[in-house]
Amino acid sequence: MTESADQRYEFMSAAWVKALRRRYQEIIAGKKLDFDLVYALEYTEPPKHLLRDDGRNCVGYTLLARNGNLEVLDGAFTSVADCVFSAAYHPLGKTYHMPVDEFKKWWAENEARLTAEGNFSYRGDRSVVQHLTRLFPNNIYADLYNKVTAPPAK
């Protein structure tokens, strides 16, 4: 199957991580970054078909910013990350295709419950995320996730 720039993929599939890598490259467009960091996003209890057959029981990706460059790695390399975002795949994994306003409404309605249930957490230095958000002129959902994430299968 030929991949196109406007093609969407299932959240956290191997093809999704590749598309995310391409999208970051488009956003950065050859500019050198002025920060170094390792940020890992880890999703637990994903659908079995998304596991990579490498012994990991989670899916995710890692952003590695070093020497002005950014790499997007398949897998959450939590042991070397400055900051780790960890979440249960469901329900958050079903939101990455949402337009910004729809996600903001969903988050306002669900954040307290998700927090109480322990469905997501941060470990490490959360201030590193501010460096990443500077890359997105609009919003990470509008500029990145909406561009690569297909709506969940019904």
N, C-alpha and C. Protein backbone atom coordinates (compact mmCIF):
# COMPACT_ATOMS: atom_id res chain seq x y z
N MET A 1 0.84 -1.18 0.00
CA MET A 1 0.00 0.00 0.00
C MET A 1 0.89 1.24 0.00
N THR A 2 0.58 2.18 -0.83
CA THR A 2 1.33 3.42 -0.93
C THR A 2 0.82 4.39 0.13
N GLU A 3 1.75 5.02 0.84
CA GLU A 3 1.36 5.97 1.87
C GLU A 3 1.30 7.37 1.28
N SER A 4 0.26 8.13 1.67
CA SER A 4 0.14 9.50 1.22
C SER A 4 0.17 10.43 2.42
N ALA A 5 0.43 11.70 2.18
CA ALA A 5 0.57 12.67 3.26
C ALA A 5 -0.72 12.85 4.04
N ASP A 6 -1.87 12.62 3.40
CA ASP A 6 -3.13 12.84 4.11
C ASP A 6 -3.76 11.54 4.63
N GLN A 7 -3.04 10.46 4.56
CA GLN A 7 -3.55 9.18 5.05
C GLN A 7 -3.55 9.17 6.58
N ARG A 8 -4.53 8.53 7.16
CA ARG A 8 -4.66 8.43 8.61
C ARG A 8 -4.49 6.97 9.04
N TYR A 9 -4.01 6.78 10.27
CA TYR A 9 -3.69 5.43 10.75
C TYR A 9 -4.27 5.22 12.14
N GLU A 10 -4.41 3.97 12.52
CA GLU A 10 -4.90 3.63 13.86
C GLU A 10 -3.88 4.11 14.89
N PHE A 11 -4.40 4.76 15.91
CA PHE A 11 -3.56 5.32 16.96
C PHE A 11 -2.60 4.28 17.53
N MET A 12 -1.33 4.61 17.52
CA MET A 12 -0.22 3.83 18.06
C MET A 12 0.14 2.59 17.24
N SER A 13 -0.42 2.44 16.05
CA SER A 13 0.06 1.37 15.17
C SER A 13 1.46 1.74 14.70
N ALA A 14 2.20 0.78 14.18
CA ALA A 14 3.54 1.07 13.65
C ALA A 14 3.46 2.10 12.53
N ALA A 15 2.43 2.00 11.69
CA ALA A 15 2.26 2.97 10.59
C ALA A 15 1.95 4.36 11.15
N TRP A 16 1.21 4.42 12.26
CA TRP A 16 0.91 5.71 12.90
C TRP A 16 2.19 6.37 13.39
N VAL A 17 3.07 5.61 14.03
CA VAL A 17 4.33 6.18 14.53
C VAL A 17 5.17 6.69 13.36
N LYS A 18 5.20 5.94 12.25
CA LYS A 18 5.93 6.41 11.06
C LYS A 18 5.34 7.72 10.54
N ALA A 19 4.01 7.80 10.49
CA ALA A 19 3.35 9.01 10.02
C ALA A 19 3.62 10.18 10.98
N LEU A 20 3.64 9.89 12.27
CA LEU A 20 3.96 10.91 13.26
C LEU A 20 5.38 11.43 13.03
N ARG A 21 6.30 10.54 12.76
CA ARG A 21 7.70 10.92 12.47
C ARG A 21 7.75 11.87 11.26
N ARG A 22 7.02 11.50 10.20
CA ARG A 22 6.97 12.35 9.01
C ARG A 22 6.37 13.72 9.32
N ARG A 23 5.31 13.72 10.12
CA ARG A 23 4.64 14.98 10.45
C ARG A 23 5.56 15.88 11.26
N TYR A 24 6.29 15.32 12.21
CA TYR A 24 7.26 16.13 12.97
C TYR A 24 8.31 16.71 12.02
N GLN A 25 8.77 15.92 11.06
CA GLN A 25 9.75 16.42 10.10
C GLN A 25 9.19 17.58 9.29
N GLU A 26 7.91 17.48 8.91
CA GLU A 26 7.26 18.58 8.19
C GLU A 26 7.19 19.83 9.06
N ILE A 27 6.82 19.67 10.31
CA ILE A 27 6.67 20.80 11.22
C ILE A 27 8.02 21.48 11.46
N ILE A 28 9.04 20.69 11.66
CA ILE A 28 10.37 21.25 11.95
C ILE A 28 11.02 21.78 10.68
N ALA A 29 10.79 21.12 9.57
CA ALA A 29 11.27 21.57 8.26
C ALA A 29 12.74 21.99 8.25
N GLY A 30 13.59 21.16 8.82
CA GLY A 30 15.02 21.42 8.76
C GLY A 30 15.57 22.39 9.78
N LYS A 31 14.69 23.00 10.60
CA LYS A 31 15.16 23.92 11.64
C LYS A 31 15.89 23.13 12.72
N LYS A 32 16.84 23.76 13.34
CA LYS A 32 17.55 23.16 14.47
C LYS A 32 16.81 23.51 15.76
N LEU A 33 16.62 22.54 16.61
CA LEU A 33 15.96 22.77 17.89
C LEU A 33 16.96 23.35 18.89
N ASP A 34 16.47 24.17 19.80
CA ASP A 34 17.34 24.80 20.79
C ASP A 34 17.19 24.16 22.18
N PHE A 35 16.82 22.89 22.20
CA PHE A 35 16.68 22.18 23.48
C PHE A 35 17.01 20.71 23.28
N ASP A 36 17.35 20.05 24.37
CA ASP A 36 17.57 18.61 24.40
C ASP A 36 16.58 18.02 25.39
N LEU A 37 15.99 16.89 25.04
CA LEU A 37 15.08 16.20 25.95
C LEU A 37 14.76 14.81 25.42
N VAL A 38 14.27 13.99 26.32
CA VAL A 38 13.71 12.69 25.96
C VAL A 38 12.34 12.62 26.61
N TYR A 39 11.31 12.51 25.79
CA TYR A 39 9.93 12.48 26.27
C TYR A 39 9.28 11.21 25.74
N ALA A 40 8.80 10.39 26.66
CA ALA A 40 8.18 9.11 26.27
C ALA A 40 6.69 9.14 26.57
N LEU A 41 5.92 8.64 25.62
CA LEU A 41 4.48 8.48 25.79
C LEU A 41 4.18 6.99 25.71
N GLU A 42 3.59 6.47 26.77
CA GLU A 42 3.37 5.03 26.92
C GLU A 42 1.88 4.77 27.12
N TYR A 43 1.36 3.81 26.37
CA TYR A 43 -0.06 3.46 26.48
C TYR A 43 -0.17 1.99 26.84
N THR A 44 -0.79 1.74 27.99
CA THR A 44 -0.93 0.39 28.52
C THR A 44 -2.23 -0.23 28.05
N GLU A 45 -2.27 -1.54 28.08
CA GLU A 45 -3.45 -2.31 27.72
C GLU A 45 -4.00 -1.96 26.33
N PRO A 46 -3.12 -1.89 25.32
CA PRO A 46 -3.62 -1.60 23.97
C PRO A 46 -4.29 -2.83 23.37
N PRO A 47 -5.01 -2.65 22.28
CA PRO A 47 -5.51 -3.83 21.56
C PRO A 47 -4.32 -4.72 21.18
N LYS A 48 -4.49 -6.00 21.30
CA LYS A 48 -3.38 -6.95 21.08
C LYS A 48 -2.73 -6.79 19.71
N HIS A 49 -3.51 -6.47 18.69
CA HIS A 49 -2.93 -6.36 17.35
C HIS A 49 -1.95 -5.19 17.21
N LEU A 50 -1.93 -4.27 18.18
CA LEU A 50 -0.98 -3.16 18.12
C LEU A 50 0.37 -3.47 18.77
N LEU A 51 0.44 -4.55 19.53
CA LEU A 51 1.72 -4.92 20.16
C LEU A 51 2.73 -5.28 19.08
N ARG A 52 4.01 -5.03 19.36
CA ARG A 52 5.06 -5.17 18.35
C ARG A 52 5.76 -6.52 18.35
N ASP A 53 5.30 -7.48 19.11
CA ASP A 53 5.92 -8.81 19.17
C ASP A 53 7.38 -8.73 19.60
N ASP A 54 7.68 -7.79 20.49
CA ASP A 54 9.05 -7.65 20.98
C ASP A 54 9.13 -7.79 22.50
N GLY A 55 8.08 -8.33 23.09
CA GLY A 55 8.06 -8.54 24.52
C GLY A 55 7.42 -7.41 25.32
N ARG A 56 7.24 -6.25 24.70
CA ARG A 56 6.60 -5.15 25.43
C ARG A 56 5.09 -5.39 25.48
N ASN A 57 4.48 -5.04 26.61
CA ASN A 57 3.03 -5.19 26.74
C ASN A 57 2.33 -3.84 26.68
N CYS A 58 3.03 -2.86 26.12
CA CYS A 58 2.47 -1.53 25.92
C CYS A 58 2.92 -1.02 24.56
N VAL A 59 2.33 0.07 24.13
CA VAL A 59 2.75 0.74 22.90
C VAL A 59 3.08 2.18 23.25
N GLY A 60 3.78 2.84 22.37
CA GLY A 60 4.10 4.23 22.63
C GLY A 60 5.14 4.74 21.68
N TYR A 61 5.60 5.93 21.96
CA TYR A 61 6.68 6.50 21.17
C TYR A 61 7.53 7.38 22.07
N THR A 62 8.73 7.66 21.60
CA THR A 62 9.66 8.51 22.34
C THR A 62 10.15 9.61 21.42
N LEU A 63 10.17 10.81 21.95
CA LEU A 63 10.74 11.95 21.24
C LEU A 63 12.13 12.19 21.82
N LEU A 64 13.12 12.13 20.97
CA LEU A 64 14.50 12.30 21.37
C LEU A 64 15.04 13.55 20.68
N ALA A 65 15.21 14.61 21.44
CA ALA A 65 15.76 15.86 20.91
C ALA A 65 17.20 15.98 21.41
N ARG A 66 18.12 15.94 20.47
CA ARG A 66 19.55 16.04 20.81
C ARG A 66 20.28 16.79 19.70
N ASN A 67 21.19 17.65 20.11
CA ASN A 67 22.06 18.35 19.16
C ASN A 67 21.29 19.04 18.04
N GLY A 68 20.13 19.61 18.38
CA GLY A 68 19.35 20.36 17.39
C GLY A 68 18.41 19.53 16.55
N ASN A 69 18.47 18.21 16.68
CA ASN A 69 17.64 17.31 15.87
C ASN A 69 16.58 16.63 16.71
N LEU A 70 15.53 16.17 16.05
CA LEU A 70 14.46 15.45 16.74
C LEU A 70 14.23 14.12 16.05
N GLU A 71 14.21 13.07 16.84
CA GLU A 71 13.88 11.74 16.34
C GLU A 71 12.60 11.27 17.02
N VAL A 72 11.77 10.55 16.28
CA VAL A 72 10.58 9.92 16.83
C VAL A 72 10.84 8.42 16.77
N LEU A 73 10.91 7.80 17.95
CA LEU A 73 11.24 6.38 18.05
C LEU A 73 9.98 5.58 18.37
N ASP A 74 9.84 4.44 17.75
CA ASP A 74 8.72 3.55 18.04
C ASP A 74 9.02 2.85 19.36
N GLY A 75 8.17 3.09 20.34
CA GLY A 75 8.35 2.50 21.67
C GLY A 75 8.58 3.58 22.71
N ALA A 76 8.04 3.34 23.89
CA ALA A 76 8.20 4.28 24.99
C ALA A 76 9.43 3.87 25.80
N PHE A 77 10.52 4.57 25.59
CA PHE A 77 11.77 4.26 26.28
C PHE A 77 11.79 5.02 27.61
N THR A 78 11.00 4.51 28.54
CA THR A 78 10.74 5.20 29.80
C THR A 78 11.96 5.28 30.71
N SER A 79 12.87 4.34 30.61
CA SER A 79 14.00 4.32 31.53
C SER A 79 15.00 5.44 31.27
N VAL A 80 14.97 6.03 30.10
CA VAL A 80 15.91 7.12 29.76
C VAL A 80 15.21 8.46 29.56
N ALA A 81 13.90 8.50 29.80
CA ALA A 81 13.13 9.71 29.52
C ALA A 81 13.23 10.73 30.65
N ASP A 82 13.27 12.01 30.25
CA ASP A 82 13.20 13.10 31.22
C ASP A 82 11.78 13.21 31.78
N CYS A 83 10.81 12.90 30.94
CA CYS A 83 9.41 12.93 31.34
C CYS A 83 8.68 11.79 30.63
N VAL A 84 7.79 11.14 31.36
CA VAL A 84 7.00 10.04 30.81
C VAL A 84 5.52 10.34 31.04
N PHE A 85 4.76 10.28 29.97
CA PHE A 85 3.31 10.32 30.08
C PHE A 85 2.84 8.89 29.88
N SER A 86 2.09 8.38 30.84
CA SER A 86 1.59 7.01 30.77
C SER A 86 0.08 7.04 30.92
N ALA A 87 -0.60 6.29 30.06
CA ALA A 87 -2.06 6.27 30.11
C ALA A 87 -2.58 4.92 29.67
N ALA A 88 -3.75 4.59 30.15
CA ALA A 88 -4.46 3.43 29.63
C ALA A 88 -4.87 3.75 28.19
N TYR A 89 -4.69 2.78 27.30
CA TYR A 89 -5.03 3.02 25.88
C TYR A 89 -6.48 3.47 25.74
N HIS A 90 -7.35 2.81 26.47
CA HIS A 90 -8.77 3.20 26.45
C HIS A 90 -9.05 3.95 27.74
N PRO A 91 -9.59 5.13 27.73
CA PRO A 91 -10.27 5.76 26.62
C PRO A 91 -9.42 6.78 25.84
N LEU A 92 -8.26 7.19 26.37
CA LEU A 92 -7.50 8.26 25.71
C LEU A 92 -7.13 7.94 24.27
N GLY A 93 -6.83 6.70 23.97
CA GLY A 93 -6.44 6.33 22.62
C GLY A 93 -7.53 6.56 21.59
N LYS A 94 -8.72 6.75 22.07
CA LYS A 94 -9.86 7.00 21.17
C LYS A 94 -10.09 8.48 20.90
N THR A 95 -9.21 9.35 21.41
CA THR A 95 -9.44 10.79 21.28
C THR A 95 -8.50 11.50 20.32
N TYR A 96 -7.45 10.87 19.87
CA TYR A 96 -6.40 11.58 19.14
C TYR A 96 -6.81 12.06 17.75
N HIS A 97 -7.91 11.58 17.24
CA HIS A 97 -8.41 12.04 15.95
C HIS A 97 -9.30 13.27 16.08
N MET A 98 -9.71 13.60 17.31
CA MET A 98 -10.70 14.64 17.52
C MET A 98 -10.18 16.03 17.16
N PRO A 99 -11.03 16.86 16.56
CA PRO A 99 -10.67 18.27 16.40
C PRO A 99 -10.46 18.90 17.78
N VAL A 100 -9.70 19.97 17.83
CA VAL A 100 -9.31 20.60 19.09
C VAL A 100 -10.52 20.90 19.98
N ASP A 101 -11.54 21.55 19.45
CA ASP A 101 -12.69 21.92 20.28
C ASP A 101 -13.41 20.70 20.83
N GLU A 102 -13.53 19.67 20.01
CA GLU A 102 -14.18 18.44 20.46
C GLU A 102 -13.36 17.79 21.57
N PHE A 103 -12.03 17.75 21.41
CA PHE A 103 -11.19 17.16 22.45
C PHE A 103 -11.27 17.97 23.75
N LYS A 104 -11.22 19.30 23.64
CA LYS A 104 -11.30 20.14 24.85
C LYS A 104 -12.58 19.86 25.62
N LYS A 105 -13.69 19.72 24.90
CA LYS A 105 -14.97 19.40 25.55
C LYS A 105 -14.90 18.02 26.19
N TRP A 106 -14.38 17.04 25.46
CA TRP A 106 -14.25 15.68 26.00
C TRP A 106 -13.39 15.68 27.25
N TRP A 107 -12.26 16.40 27.20
CA TRP A 107 -11.34 16.43 28.33
C TRP A 107 -12.00 17.10 29.54
N ALA A 108 -12.71 18.20 29.33
CA ALA A 108 -13.40 18.88 30.43
C ALA A 108 -14.41 17.96 31.10
N GLU A 109 -15.08 17.13 30.30
CA GLU A 109 -16.08 16.21 30.83
C GLU A 109 -15.48 14.98 31.49
N ASN A 110 -14.24 14.62 31.15
CA ASN A 110 -13.67 13.35 31.61
C ASN A 110 -12.43 13.44 32.49
N GLU A 111 -11.76 14.58 32.54
CA GLU A 111 -10.49 14.67 33.25
C GLU A 111 -10.59 14.25 34.72
N ALA A 112 -11.58 14.75 35.44
CA ALA A 112 -11.70 14.42 36.87
C ALA A 112 -11.87 12.91 37.07
N ARG A 113 -12.72 12.30 36.26
CA ARG A 113 -12.94 10.86 36.38
C ARG A 113 -11.67 10.08 36.04
N LEU A 114 -11.02 10.45 34.94
CA LEU A 114 -9.80 9.75 34.53
C LEU A 114 -8.70 9.89 35.58
N THR A 115 -8.60 11.08 36.17
CA THR A 115 -7.61 11.30 37.23
C THR A 115 -7.93 10.42 38.43
N ALA A 116 -9.19 10.42 38.85
CA ALA A 116 -9.60 9.63 40.01
C ALA A 116 -9.37 8.14 39.78
N GLU A 117 -9.57 7.69 38.56
CA GLU A 117 -9.38 6.27 38.22
C GLU A 117 -7.92 5.92 38.00
N GLY A 118 -7.05 6.92 37.94
CA GLY A 118 -5.63 6.67 37.70
C GLY A 118 -5.34 6.23 36.28
N ASN A 119 -6.11 6.73 35.32
CA ASN A 119 -5.96 6.33 33.92
C ASN A 119 -4.79 6.99 33.21
N PHE A 120 -4.16 7.98 33.83
CA PHE A 120 -2.98 8.59 33.23
C PHE A 120 -2.10 9.17 34.32
N SER A 121 -0.83 9.32 34.01
CA SER A 121 0.11 9.91 34.97
C SER A 121 1.31 10.47 34.23
N TYR A 122 2.00 11.34 34.91
CA TYR A 122 3.28 11.87 34.45
C TYR A 122 4.33 11.48 35.46
N ARG A 123 5.53 11.16 34.97
CA ARG A 123 6.69 10.92 35.83
C ARG A 123 7.82 11.77 35.29
N GLY A 124 8.60 12.33 36.16
CA GLY A 124 9.74 13.12 35.72
C GLY A 124 9.41 14.60 35.63
N ASP A 125 10.22 15.30 34.87
CA ASP A 125 10.16 16.75 34.76
C ASP A 125 9.17 17.18 33.69
N ARG A 126 7.97 17.57 34.12
CA ARG A 126 6.93 17.96 33.16
C ARG A 126 7.26 19.25 32.42
N SER A 127 8.20 20.04 32.91
CA SER A 127 8.52 21.30 32.25
C SER A 127 9.12 21.07 30.85
N VAL A 128 9.66 19.88 30.59
CA VAL A 128 10.24 19.62 29.27
C VAL A 128 9.18 19.67 28.18
N VAL A 129 7.93 19.42 28.55
CA VAL A 129 6.84 19.43 27.57
C VAL A 129 6.68 20.83 26.96
N GLN A 130 6.98 21.87 27.72
CA GLN A 130 6.86 23.24 27.21
C GLN A 130 7.74 23.45 25.98
N HIS A 131 8.90 22.82 25.94
CA HIS A 131 9.76 22.93 24.75
C HIS A 131 9.05 22.36 23.52
N LEU A 132 8.39 21.24 23.71
CA LEU A 132 7.71 20.61 22.58
C LEU A 132 6.51 21.43 22.11
N THR A 133 5.77 22.00 23.03
CA THR A 133 4.58 22.74 22.62
C THR A 133 4.93 23.98 21.81
N ARG A 134 6.14 24.49 21.95
CA ARG A 134 6.56 25.63 21.12
C ARG A 134 6.64 25.26 19.64
N LEU A 135 6.72 23.98 19.33
CA LEU A 135 6.82 23.55 17.94
C LEU A 135 5.49 23.68 17.19
N PHE A 136 4.39 23.78 17.93
CA PHE A 136 3.07 23.72 17.32
C PHE A 136 2.41 25.10 17.33
N PRO A 137 2.28 25.73 16.16
CA PRO A 137 1.69 27.07 16.12
C PRO A 137 0.22 27.09 16.56
N ASN A 138 -0.51 26.01 16.37
CA ASN A 138 -1.92 25.98 16.74
C ASN A 138 -2.12 25.20 18.02
N ASN A 139 -2.08 23.92 17.94
CA ASN A 139 -2.32 23.02 19.06
C ASN A 139 -1.79 21.66 18.62
N ILE A 140 -1.26 20.88 19.55
CA ILE A 140 -0.69 19.59 19.18
C ILE A 140 -1.73 18.71 18.49
N TYR A 141 -2.99 18.83 18.89
CA TYR A 141 -4.03 18.03 18.23
C TYR A 141 -4.23 18.48 16.79
N ALA A 142 -4.35 19.80 16.58
CA ALA A 142 -4.60 20.31 15.23
C ALA A 142 -3.40 20.13 14.32
N ASP A 143 -2.20 20.35 14.85
CA ASP A 143 -1.00 20.34 14.03
C ASP A 143 -0.39 18.96 13.85
N LEU A 144 -0.70 18.04 14.74
CA LEU A 144 -0.02 16.76 14.70
C LEU A 144 -1.00 15.59 14.71
N TYR A 145 -1.68 15.40 15.82
CA TYR A 145 -2.48 14.19 15.97
C TYR A 145 -3.62 14.10 14.96
N ASN A 146 -4.33 15.19 14.73
CA ASN A 146 -5.44 15.17 13.76
C ASN A 146 -4.95 14.83 12.35
N LYS A 147 -3.70 15.12 12.07
CA LYS A 147 -3.16 14.90 10.74
C LYS A 147 -2.84 13.43 10.47
N VAL A 148 -2.63 12.64 11.52
CA VAL A 148 -2.17 11.26 11.31
C VAL A 148 -3.11 10.20 11.88
N THR A 149 -4.08 10.60 12.70
CA THR A 149 -4.90 9.61 13.42
C THR A 149 -6.26 9.41 12.76
N ALA A 150 -6.56 8.17 12.46
CA ALA A 150 -7.88 7.81 11.92
C ALA A 150 -8.88 7.74 13.07
N PRO A 151 -10.14 8.02 12.80
CA PRO A 151 -11.16 7.79 13.82
C PRO A 151 -11.15 6.31 14.22
N PRO A 152 -11.50 6.02 15.48
CA PRO A 152 -11.52 4.62 15.90
C PRO A 152 -12.51 3.80 15.09
N ALA A 153 -12.18 2.55 14.90
CA ALA A 153 -13.10 1.64 14.20
C ALA A 153 -14.33 1.46 15.06
N LYS A 154 -15.46 1.39 14.43
CA LYS A 154 -16.73 1.23 15.16
C LYS A 154 -16.90 -0.19 15.61
